[in-house]
Amino acid sequence: MDRETRLKRLRFRAWHRGTKEADLMIGGFFDRRHAEWSDTDIDWFETFLEEQDVDIMAWALGVQPVPMRYAGPMMASLKDVDYVPIAE
């Protein structure tokens, strides 16, 4: 599958998680960061999306420790949470 098709599928999966909170966190992360991803980063994200939303959110917010398989720059970028719009 070509890169563009992979990214379109990942965008859909990132924005259709099941809860608005997860959609904003995971979809927002995808929208803000995907343009700079390597093929290895895309592979990481594809695998990452197989995890439960509650776990992803807990890792991103620092409530639970991040499993070693996800530790690294992608998770650090997700933990920034600077991509979630906050209404004032």
PDB file of N, CA and C in Angstrom:
ATOM      1  N   MET A   1       0.849  -1.170   0.000  1.00  0.00           N
ATOM      2  CA  MET A   1       0.000   0.000   0.000  1.00  0.00           C
ATOM      3  C   MET A   1       0.903   1.244   0.000  1.00  0.00           C
ATOM      4  N   ASP A   2       0.538   2.231  -0.776  1.00  0.00           N
ATOM      5  CA  ASP A   2       1.371   3.430  -0.858  1.00  0.00           C
ATOM      6  C   ASP A   2       1.193   4.291   0.396  1.00  0.00           C
ATOM      7  N   ARG A   3       2.130   5.182   0.603  1.00  0.00           N
ATOM      8  CA  ARG A   3       2.175   6.025   1.802  1.00  0.00           C
ATOM      9  C   ARG A   3       0.895   6.858   1.981  1.00  0.00           C
ATOM     10  N   GLU A   4       0.424   7.464   0.917  1.00  0.00           N
ATOM     11  CA  GLU A   4      -0.759   8.318   1.000  1.00  0.00           C
ATOM     12  C   GLU A   4      -1.991   7.534   1.452  1.00  0.00           C
ATOM     13  N   THR A   5      -2.161   6.343   0.916  1.00  0.00           N
ATOM     14  CA  THR A   5      -3.294   5.499   1.307  1.00  0.00           C
ATOM     15  C   THR A   5      -3.171   5.083   2.770  1.00  0.00           C
ATOM     16  N   ARG A   6      -1.976   4.720   3.193  1.00  0.00           N
ATOM     17  CA  ARG A   6      -1.753   4.362   4.598  1.00  0.00           C
ATOM     18  C   ARG A   6      -2.126   5.516   5.516  1.00  0.00           C
ATOM     19  N   LEU A   7      -1.686   6.717   5.160  1.00  0.00           N
ATOM     20  CA  LEU A   7      -1.970   7.882   5.994  1.00  0.00           C
ATOM     21  C   LEU A   7      -3.468   8.204   6.040  1.00  0.00           C
ATOM     22  N   LYS A   8      -4.162   8.041   4.940  1.00  0.00           N
ATOM     23  CA  LYS A   8      -5.609   8.273   4.923  1.00  0.00           C
ATOM     24  C   LYS A   8      -6.317   7.292   5.854  1.00  0.00           C
ATOM     25  N   ARG A   9      -5.903   6.034   5.799  1.00  0.00           N
ATOM     26  CA  ARG A   9      -6.507   5.020   6.678  1.00  0.00           C
ATOM     27  C   ARG A   9      -6.190   5.304   8.137  1.00  0.00           C
ATOM     28  N   LEU A  10      -4.953   5.695   8.395  1.00  0.00           N
ATOM     29  CA  LEU A  10      -4.567   6.003   9.772  1.00  0.00           C
ATOM     30  C   LEU A  10      -5.325   7.217  10.298  1.00  0.00           C
ATOM     31  N   ARG A  11      -5.515   8.210   9.464  1.00  0.00           N
ATOM     32  CA  ARG A  11      -6.273   9.395   9.891  1.00  0.00           C
ATOM     33  C   ARG A  11      -7.686   9.000  10.285  1.00  0.00           C
ATOM     34  N   PHE A  12      -8.320   8.174   9.474  1.00  0.00           N
ATOM     35  CA  PHE A  12      -9.673   7.729   9.801  1.00  0.00           C
ATOM     36  C   PHE A  12      -9.678   6.988  11.139  1.00  0.00           C
ATOM     37  N   ARG A  13      -8.764   6.044  11.308  1.00  0.00           N
ATOM     38  CA  ARG A  13      -8.701   5.269  12.552  1.00  0.00           C
ATOM     39  C   ARG A  13      -8.381   6.152  13.756  1.00  0.00           C
ATOM     40  N   ALA A  14      -7.553   7.166  13.559  1.00  0.00           N
ATOM     41  CA  ALA A  14      -7.178   8.057  14.655  1.00  0.00           C
ATOM     42  C   ALA A  14      -8.361   8.918  15.101  1.00  0.00           C
ATOM     43  N   TRP A  15      -9.222   9.284  14.174  1.00  0.00           N
ATOM     44  CA  TRP A  15     -10.347  10.170  14.490  1.00  0.00           C
ATOM     45  C   TRP A  15     -11.642   9.424  14.797  1.00  0.00           C
ATOM     46  N   HIS A  16     -11.652   8.114  14.727  1.00  0.00           N
ATOM     47  CA  HIS A  16     -12.861   7.322  14.990  1.00  0.00           C
ATOM     48  C   HIS A  16     -12.556   6.268  16.041  1.00  0.00           C
ATOM     49  N   ARG A  17     -12.264   6.738  17.243  1.00  0.00           N
ATOM     50  CA  ARG A  17     -11.856   5.865  18.329  1.00  0.00           C
ATOM     51  C   ARG A  17     -13.021   5.397  19.186  1.00  0.00           C
ATOM     52  N   GLY A  18     -14.074   6.184  19.280  1.00  0.00           N
ATOM     53  CA  GLY A  18     -15.213   5.770  20.081  1.00  0.00           C
ATOM     54  C   GLY A  18     -15.622   6.768  21.141  1.00  0.00           C
ATOM     55  N   THR A  19     -14.688   7.618  21.553  1.00  0.00           N
ATOM     56  CA  THR A  19     -15.037   8.689  22.487  1.00  0.00           C
ATOM     57  C   THR A  19     -14.449   9.995  21.957  1.00  0.00           C
ATOM     58  N   LYS A  20     -15.101  11.080  22.282  1.00  0.00           N
ATOM     59  CA  LYS A  20     -14.631  12.384  21.809  1.00  0.00           C
ATOM     60  C   LYS A  20     -13.239  12.697  22.350  1.00  0.00           C
ATOM     61  N   GLU A  21     -12.990  12.337  23.613  1.00  0.00           N
ATOM     62  CA  GLU A  21     -11.689  12.602  24.236  1.00  0.00           C
ATOM     63  C   GLU A  21     -10.569  11.875  23.490  1.00  0.00           C
ATOM     64  N   ALA A  22     -10.800  10.605  23.192  1.00  0.00           N
ATOM     65  CA  ALA A  22      -9.785   9.827  22.468  1.00  0.00           C
ATOM     66  C   ALA A  22      -9.621  10.354  21.046  1.00  0.00           C
ATOM     67  N   ASP A  23     -10.733  10.706  20.408  1.00  0.00           N
ATOM     68  CA  ASP A  23     -10.653  11.271  19.054  1.00  0.00           C
ATOM     69  C   ASP A  23      -9.792  12.527  19.044  1.00  0.00           C
ATOM     70  N   LEU A  24     -10.031  13.420  20.012  1.00  0.00           N
ATOM     71  CA  LEU A  24      -9.268  14.671  20.064  1.00  0.00           C
ATOM     72  C   LEU A  24      -7.788  14.419  20.335  1.00  0.00           C
ATOM     73  N   MET A  25      -7.501  13.495  21.245  1.00  0.00           N
ATOM     74  CA  MET A  25      -6.109  13.246  21.577  1.00  0.00           C
ATOM     75  C   MET A  25      -5.376  12.522  20.443  1.00  0.00           C
ATOM     76  N   ILE A  26      -5.915  11.420  19.993  1.00  0.00           N
ATOM     77  CA  ILE A  26      -5.218  10.591  19.003  1.00  0.00           C
ATOM     78  C   ILE A  26      -5.345  11.197  17.610  1.00  0.00           C
ATOM     79  N   GLY A  27      -6.533  11.672  17.261  1.00  0.00           N
ATOM     80  CA  GLY A  27      -6.718  12.324  15.963  1.00  0.00           C
ATOM     81  C   GLY A  27      -5.959  13.632  15.865  1.00  0.00           C
ATOM     82  N   GLY A  28      -6.001  14.400  16.948  1.00  0.00           N
ATOM     83  CA  GLY A  28      -5.253  15.660  16.968  1.00  0.00           C
ATOM     84  C   GLY A  28      -3.756  15.438  16.836  1.00  0.00           C
ATOM     85  N   PHE A  29      -3.250  14.421  17.518  1.00  0.00           N
ATOM     86  CA  PHE A  29      -1.835  14.054  17.409  1.00  0.00           C
ATOM     87  C   PHE A  29      -1.500  13.712  15.965  1.00  0.00           C
ATOM     88  N   PHE A  30      -2.333  12.883  15.343  1.00  0.00           N
ATOM     89  CA  PHE A  30      -2.092  12.511  13.951  1.00  0.00           C
ATOM     90  C   PHE A  30      -2.054  13.750  13.062  1.00  0.00           C
ATOM     91  N   ASP A  31      -3.087  14.585  13.165  1.00  0.00           N
ATOM     92  CA  ASP A  31      -3.155  15.770  12.293  1.00  0.00           C
ATOM     93  C   ASP A  31      -1.956  16.682  12.455  1.00  0.00           C
ATOM     94  N   ARG A  32      -1.512  16.883  13.675  1.00  0.00           N
ATOM     95  CA  ARG A  32      -0.410  17.811  13.939  1.00  0.00           C
ATOM     96  C   ARG A  32       0.939  17.239  13.514  1.00  0.00           C
ATOM     97  N   ARG A  33       1.122  15.921  13.620  1.00  0.00           N
ATOM     98  CA  ARG A  33       2.464  15.364  13.467  1.00  0.00           C
ATOM     99  C   ARG A  33       2.718  14.500  12.222  1.00  0.00           C
ATOM    100  N   HIS A  34       1.706  13.981  11.570  1.00  0.00           N
ATOM    101  CA  HIS A  34       1.924  12.958  10.546  1.00  0.00           C
ATOM    102  C   HIS A  34       2.782  13.408   9.362  1.00  0.00           C
ATOM    103  N   ALA A  35       2.762  14.672   9.042  1.00  0.00           N
ATOM    104  CA  ALA A  35       3.518  15.157   7.880  1.00  0.00           C
ATOM    105  C   ALA A  35       5.026  14.960   8.042  1.00  0.00           C
ATOM    106  N   GLU A  36       5.486  14.886   9.277  1.00  0.00           N
ATOM    107  CA  GLU A  36       6.924  14.739   9.526  1.00  0.00           C
ATOM    108  C   GLU A  36       7.350  13.293   9.785  1.00  0.00           C
ATOM    109  N   TRP A  37       6.423  12.349   9.713  1.00  0.00           N
ATOM    110  CA  TRP A  37       6.717  10.956  10.043  1.00  0.00           C
ATOM    111  C   TRP A  37       7.469  10.228   8.946  1.00  0.00           C
ATOM    112  N   SER A  38       8.393   9.397   9.380  1.00  0.00           N
ATOM    113  CA  SER A  38       9.080   8.466   8.488  1.00  0.00           C
ATOM    114  C   SER A  38       8.206   7.223   8.338  1.00  0.00           C
ATOM    115  N   ASP A  39       8.616   6.321   7.463  1.00  0.00           N
ATOM    116  CA  ASP A  39       7.887   5.057   7.323  1.00  0.00           C
ATOM    117  C   ASP A  39       7.926   4.261   8.627  1.00  0.00           C
ATOM    118  N   THR A  40       9.011   4.343   9.358  1.00  0.00           N
ATOM    119  CA  THR A  40       9.121   3.661  10.651  1.00  0.00           C
ATOM    120  C   THR A  40       8.130   4.253  11.645  1.00  0.00           C
ATOM    121  N   ASP A  41       7.973   5.563  11.635  1.00  0.00           N
ATOM    122  CA  ASP A  41       7.005   6.219  12.506  1.00  0.00           C
ATOM    123  C   ASP A  41       5.574   5.799  12.155  1.00  0.00           C
ATOM    124  N   ILE A  42       5.302   5.678  10.872  1.00  0.00           N
ATOM    125  CA  ILE A  42       3.974   5.238  10.434  1.00  0.00           C
ATOM    126  C   ILE A  42       3.726   3.809  10.916  1.00  0.00           C
ATOM    127  N   ASP A  43       4.728   2.959  10.800  1.00  0.00           N
ATOM    128  CA  ASP A  43       4.608   1.585  11.310  1.00  0.00           C
ATOM    129  C   ASP A  43       4.288   1.603  12.802  1.00  0.00           C
ATOM    130  N   TRP A  44       5.006   2.446  13.559  1.00  0.00           N
ATOM    131  CA  TRP A  44       4.790   2.564  15.004  1.00  0.00           C
ATOM    132  C   TRP A  44       3.341   2.957  15.288  1.00  0.00           C
ATOM    133  N   PHE A  45       2.849   3.967  14.568  1.00  0.00           N
ATOM    134  CA  PHE A  45       1.502   4.461  14.806  1.00  0.00           C
ATOM    135  C   PHE A  45       0.455   3.416  14.452  1.00  0.00           C
ATOM    136  N   GLU A  46       0.674   2.671  13.368  1.00  0.00           N
ATOM    137  CA  GLU A  46      -0.261   1.608  13.004  1.00  0.00           C
ATOM    138  C   GLU A  46      -0.377   0.582  14.131  1.00  0.00           C
ATOM    139  N   THR A  47       0.739   0.182  14.680  1.00  0.00           N
ATOM    140  CA  THR A  47       0.745  -0.772  15.790  1.00  0.00           C
ATOM    141  C   THR A  47       0.121  -0.149  17.024  1.00  0.00           C
ATOM    142  N   PHE A  48       0.464   1.076  17.304  1.00  0.00           N
ATOM    143  CA  PHE A  48      -0.033   1.813  18.458  1.00  0.00           C
ATOM    144  C   PHE A  48      -1.560   1.898  18.467  1.00  0.00           C
ATOM    145  N   LEU A  49      -2.165   2.081  17.304  1.00  0.00           N
ATOM    146  CA  LEU A  49      -3.613   2.207  17.219  1.00  0.00           C
ATOM    147  C   LEU A  49      -4.352   0.926  17.590  1.00  0.00           C
ATOM    148  N   GLU A  50      -3.644  -0.172  17.683  1.00  0.00           N
ATOM    149  CA  GLU A  50      -4.261  -1.432  18.097  1.00  0.00           C
ATOM    150  C   GLU A  50      -4.513  -1.464  19.603  1.00  0.00           C
ATOM    151  N   GLU A  51      -3.902  -0.550  20.338  1.00  0.00           N
ATOM    152  CA  GLU A  51      -4.046  -0.510  21.794  1.00  0.00           C
ATOM    153  C   GLU A  51      -5.396   0.102  22.179  1.00  0.00           C
ATOM    154  N   GLN A  52      -5.798  -0.143  23.398  1.00  0.00           N
ATOM    155  CA  GLN A  52      -7.044   0.405  23.923  1.00  0.00           C
ATOM    156  C   GLN A  52      -6.896   1.909  24.174  1.00  0.00           C
ATOM    157  N   ASP A  53      -7.945   2.642  23.889  1.00  0.00           N
ATOM    158  CA  ASP A  53      -7.921   4.097  24.082  1.00  0.00           C
ATOM    159  C   ASP A  53      -7.587   4.480  25.512  1.00  0.00           C
ATOM    160  N   VAL A  54      -8.162   3.782  26.463  1.00  0.00           N
ATOM    161  CA  VAL A  54      -7.917   4.106  27.873  1.00  0.00           C
ATOM    162  C   VAL A  54      -6.429   3.979  28.203  1.00  0.00           C
ATOM    163  N   ASP A  55      -5.749   3.002  27.627  1.00  0.00           N
ATOM    164  CA  ASP A  55      -4.312   2.839  27.852  1.00  0.00           C
ATOM    165  C   ASP A  55      -3.526   3.952  27.176  1.00  0.00           C
ATOM    166  N   ILE A  56      -3.859   4.237  25.931  1.00  0.00           N
ATOM    167  CA  ILE A  56      -3.165   5.304  25.197  1.00  0.00           C
ATOM    168  C   ILE A  56      -3.278   6.631  25.947  1.00  0.00           C
ATOM    169  N   MET A  57      -4.469   6.937  26.401  1.00  0.00           N
ATOM    170  CA  MET A  57      -4.684   8.196  27.108  1.00  0.00           C
ATOM    171  C   MET A  57      -3.928   8.207  28.438  1.00  0.00           C
ATOM    172  N   ALA A  58      -3.912   7.097  29.142  1.00  0.00           N
ATOM    173  CA  ALA A  58      -3.191   7.021  30.417  1.00  0.00           C
ATOM    174  C   ALA A  58      -1.690   7.188  30.204  1.00  0.00           C
ATOM    175  N   TRP A  59      -1.158   6.611  29.143  1.00  0.00           N
ATOM    176  CA  TRP A  59       0.278   6.773  28.846  1.00  0.00           C
ATOM    177  C   TRP A  59       0.582   8.220  28.494  1.00  0.00           C
ATOM    178  N   ALA A  60      -0.267   8.813  27.650  1.00  0.00           N
ATOM    179  CA  ALA A  60      -0.035  10.189  27.203  1.00  0.00           C
ATOM    180  C   ALA A  60      -0.122  11.182  28.360  1.00  0.00           C
ATOM    181  N   LEU A  61      -1.003  10.923  29.306  1.00  0.00           N
ATOM    182  CA  LEU A  61      -1.185  11.828  30.434  1.00  0.00           C
ATOM    183  C   LEU A  61      -0.286  11.498  31.615  1.00  0.00           C
ATOM    184  N   GLY A  62       0.492  10.425  31.506  1.00  0.00           N
ATOM    185  CA  GLY A  62       1.434  10.058  32.557  1.00  0.00           C
ATOM    186  C   GLY A  62       0.804   9.356  33.747  1.00  0.00           C
ATOM    187  N   VAL A  63      -0.405   8.843  33.578  1.00  0.00           N
ATOM    188  CA  VAL A  63      -1.098   8.148  34.663  1.00  0.00           C
ATOM    189  C   VAL A  63      -0.579   6.718  34.806  1.00  0.00           C
ATOM    190  N   GLN A  64      -0.177   6.123  33.701  1.00  0.00           N
ATOM    191  CA  GLN A  64       0.403   4.784  33.687  1.00  0.00           C
ATOM    192  C   GLN A  64       1.756   4.849  32.990  1.00  0.00           C
ATOM    193  N   PRO A  65       2.683   3.962  33.374  1.00  0.00           N
ATOM    194  CA  PRO A  65       3.968   3.939  32.677  1.00  0.00           C
ATOM    195  C   PRO A  65       3.803   3.460  31.232  1.00  0.00           C
ATOM    196  N   VAL A  66       4.611   4.012  30.363  1.00  0.00           N
ATOM    197  CA  VAL A  66       4.582   3.656  28.945  1.00  0.00           C
ATOM    198  C   VAL A  66       5.323   2.329  28.757  1.00  0.00           C
ATOM    199  N   PRO A  67       4.710   1.356  28.078  1.00  0.00           N
ATOM    200  CA  PRO A  67       5.417   0.108  27.794  1.00  0.00           C
ATOM    201  C   PRO A  67       6.670   0.381  26.949  1.00  0.00           C
ATOM    202  N   MET A  68       7.683  -0.386  27.173  1.00  0.00           N
ATOM    203  CA  MET A  68       8.957  -0.191  26.466  1.00  0.00           C
ATOM    204  C   MET A  68       8.779  -0.184  24.950  1.00  0.00           C
ATOM    205  N   ARG A  69       7.851  -0.973  24.431  1.00  0.00           N
ATOM    206  CA  ARG A  69       7.678  -1.048  22.970  1.00  0.00           C
ATOM    207  C   ARG A  69       7.208   0.278  22.372  1.00  0.00           C
ATOM    208  N   TYR A  70       6.655   1.173  23.206  1.00  0.00           N
ATOM    209  CA  TYR A  70       6.184   2.463  22.717  1.00  0.00           C
ATOM    210  C   TYR A  70       7.018   3.637  23.201  1.00  0.00           C
ATOM    211  N   ALA A  71       7.960   3.387  24.076  1.00  0.00           N
ATOM    212  CA  ALA A  71       8.805   4.471  24.586  1.00  0.00           C
ATOM    213  C   ALA A  71       9.662   5.031  23.452  1.00  0.00           C
ATOM    214  N   GLY A  72       9.869   6.337  23.471  1.00  0.00           N
ATOM    215  CA  GLY A  72      10.716   6.974  22.458  1.00  0.00           C
ATOM    216  C   GLY A  72      10.142   8.298  22.008  1.00  0.00           C
ATOM    217  N   PRO A  73      10.662   8.815  20.905  1.00  0.00           N
ATOM    218  CA  PRO A  73      10.281  10.157  20.464  1.00  0.00           C
ATOM    219  C   PRO A  73       8.809  10.304  20.064  1.00  0.00           C
ATOM    220  N   MET A  74       8.208   9.266  19.505  1.00  0.00           N
ATOM    221  CA  MET A  74       6.790   9.372  19.132  1.00  0.00           C
ATOM    222  C   MET A  74       5.934   9.527  20.384  1.00  0.00           C
ATOM    223  N   MET A  75       6.217   8.739  21.407  1.00  0.00           N
ATOM    224  CA  MET A  75       5.444   8.841  22.645  1.00  0.00           C
ATOM    225  C   MET A  75       5.714  10.173  23.331  1.00  0.00           C
ATOM    226  N   ALA A  76       6.944  10.625  23.291  1.00  0.00           N
ATOM    227  CA  ALA A  76       7.266  11.925  23.887  1.00  0.00           C
ATOM    228  C   ALA A  76       6.460  13.029  23.202  1.00  0.00           C
ATOM    229  N   SER A  77       6.316  12.937  21.894  1.00  0.00           N
ATOM    230  CA  SER A  77       5.548  13.915  21.149  1.00  0.00           C
ATOM    231  C   SER A  77       4.061  13.825  21.501  1.00  0.00           C
ATOM    232  N   LEU A  78       3.560  12.618  21.677  1.00  0.00           N
ATOM    233  CA  LEU A  78       2.165  12.432  22.082  1.00  0.00           C
ATOM    234  C   LEU A  78       1.930  13.009  23.470  1.00  0.00           C
ATOM    235  N   LYS A  79       2.900  12.852  24.360  1.00  0.00           N
ATOM    236  CA  LYS A  79       2.767  13.344  25.734  1.00  0.00           C
ATOM    237  C   LYS A  79       2.768  14.870  25.826  1.00  0.00           C
ATOM    238  N   ASP A  80       3.238  15.555  24.804  1.00  0.00           N
ATOM    239  CA  ASP A  80       3.209  17.024  24.810  1.00  0.00           C
ATOM    240  C   ASP A  80       1.783  17.553  24.901  1.00  0.00           C
ATOM    241  N   VAL A  81       0.847  16.854  24.300  1.00  0.00           N
ATOM    242  CA  VAL A  81      -0.575  17.201  24.273  1.00  0.00           C
ATOM    243  C   VAL A  81      -0.801  18.667  23.864  1.00  0.00           C
ATOM    244  N   ASP A  82       0.077  19.198  23.032  1.00  0.00           N
ATOM    245  CA  ASP A  82      -0.078  20.568  22.555  1.00  0.00           C
ATOM    246  C   ASP A  82      -0.927  20.648  21.286  1.00  0.00           C
ATOM    247  N   TYR A  83      -1.482  19.538  20.888  1.00  0.00           N
ATOM    248  CA  TYR A  83      -2.248  19.443  19.650  1.00  0.00           C
ATOM    249  C   TYR A  83      -3.746  19.356  19.924  1.00  0.00           C
ATOM    250  N   VAL A  84      -4.147  19.319  21.185  1.00  0.00           N
ATOM    251  CA  VAL A  84      -5.566  19.253  21.548  1.00  0.00           C
ATOM    252  C   VAL A  84      -6.097  20.664  21.741  1.00  0.00           C
ATOM    253  N   PRO A  85      -7.110  21.043  20.957  1.00  0.00           N
ATOM    254  CA  PRO A  85      -7.662  22.399  21.113  1.00  0.00           C
ATOM    255  C   PRO A  85      -8.381  22.520  22.453  1.00  0.00           C
ATOM    256  N   ILE A  86      -8.125  23.591  23.146  1.00  0.00           N
ATOM    257  CA  ILE A  86      -8.752  23.830  24.444  1.00  0.00           C
ATOM    258  C   ILE A  86      -9.634  25.058  24.323  1.00  0.00           C
ATOM    259  N   ALA A  87     -10.915  24.848  24.557  1.00  0.00           N
ATOM    260  CA  ALA A  87     -11.879  25.965  24.467  1.00  0.00           C
ATOM    261  C   ALA A  87     -11.730  26.835  25.704  1.00  0.00           C
ATOM    262  N   GLU A  88     -11.804  28.109  25.506  1.00  0.00           N
ATOM    263  CA  GLU A  88     -11.698  29.050  26.624  1.00  0.00           C
ATOM    264  C   GLU A  88     -13.020  29.632  26.970  1.00  0.00           C
TER     265      GLU A  88
END
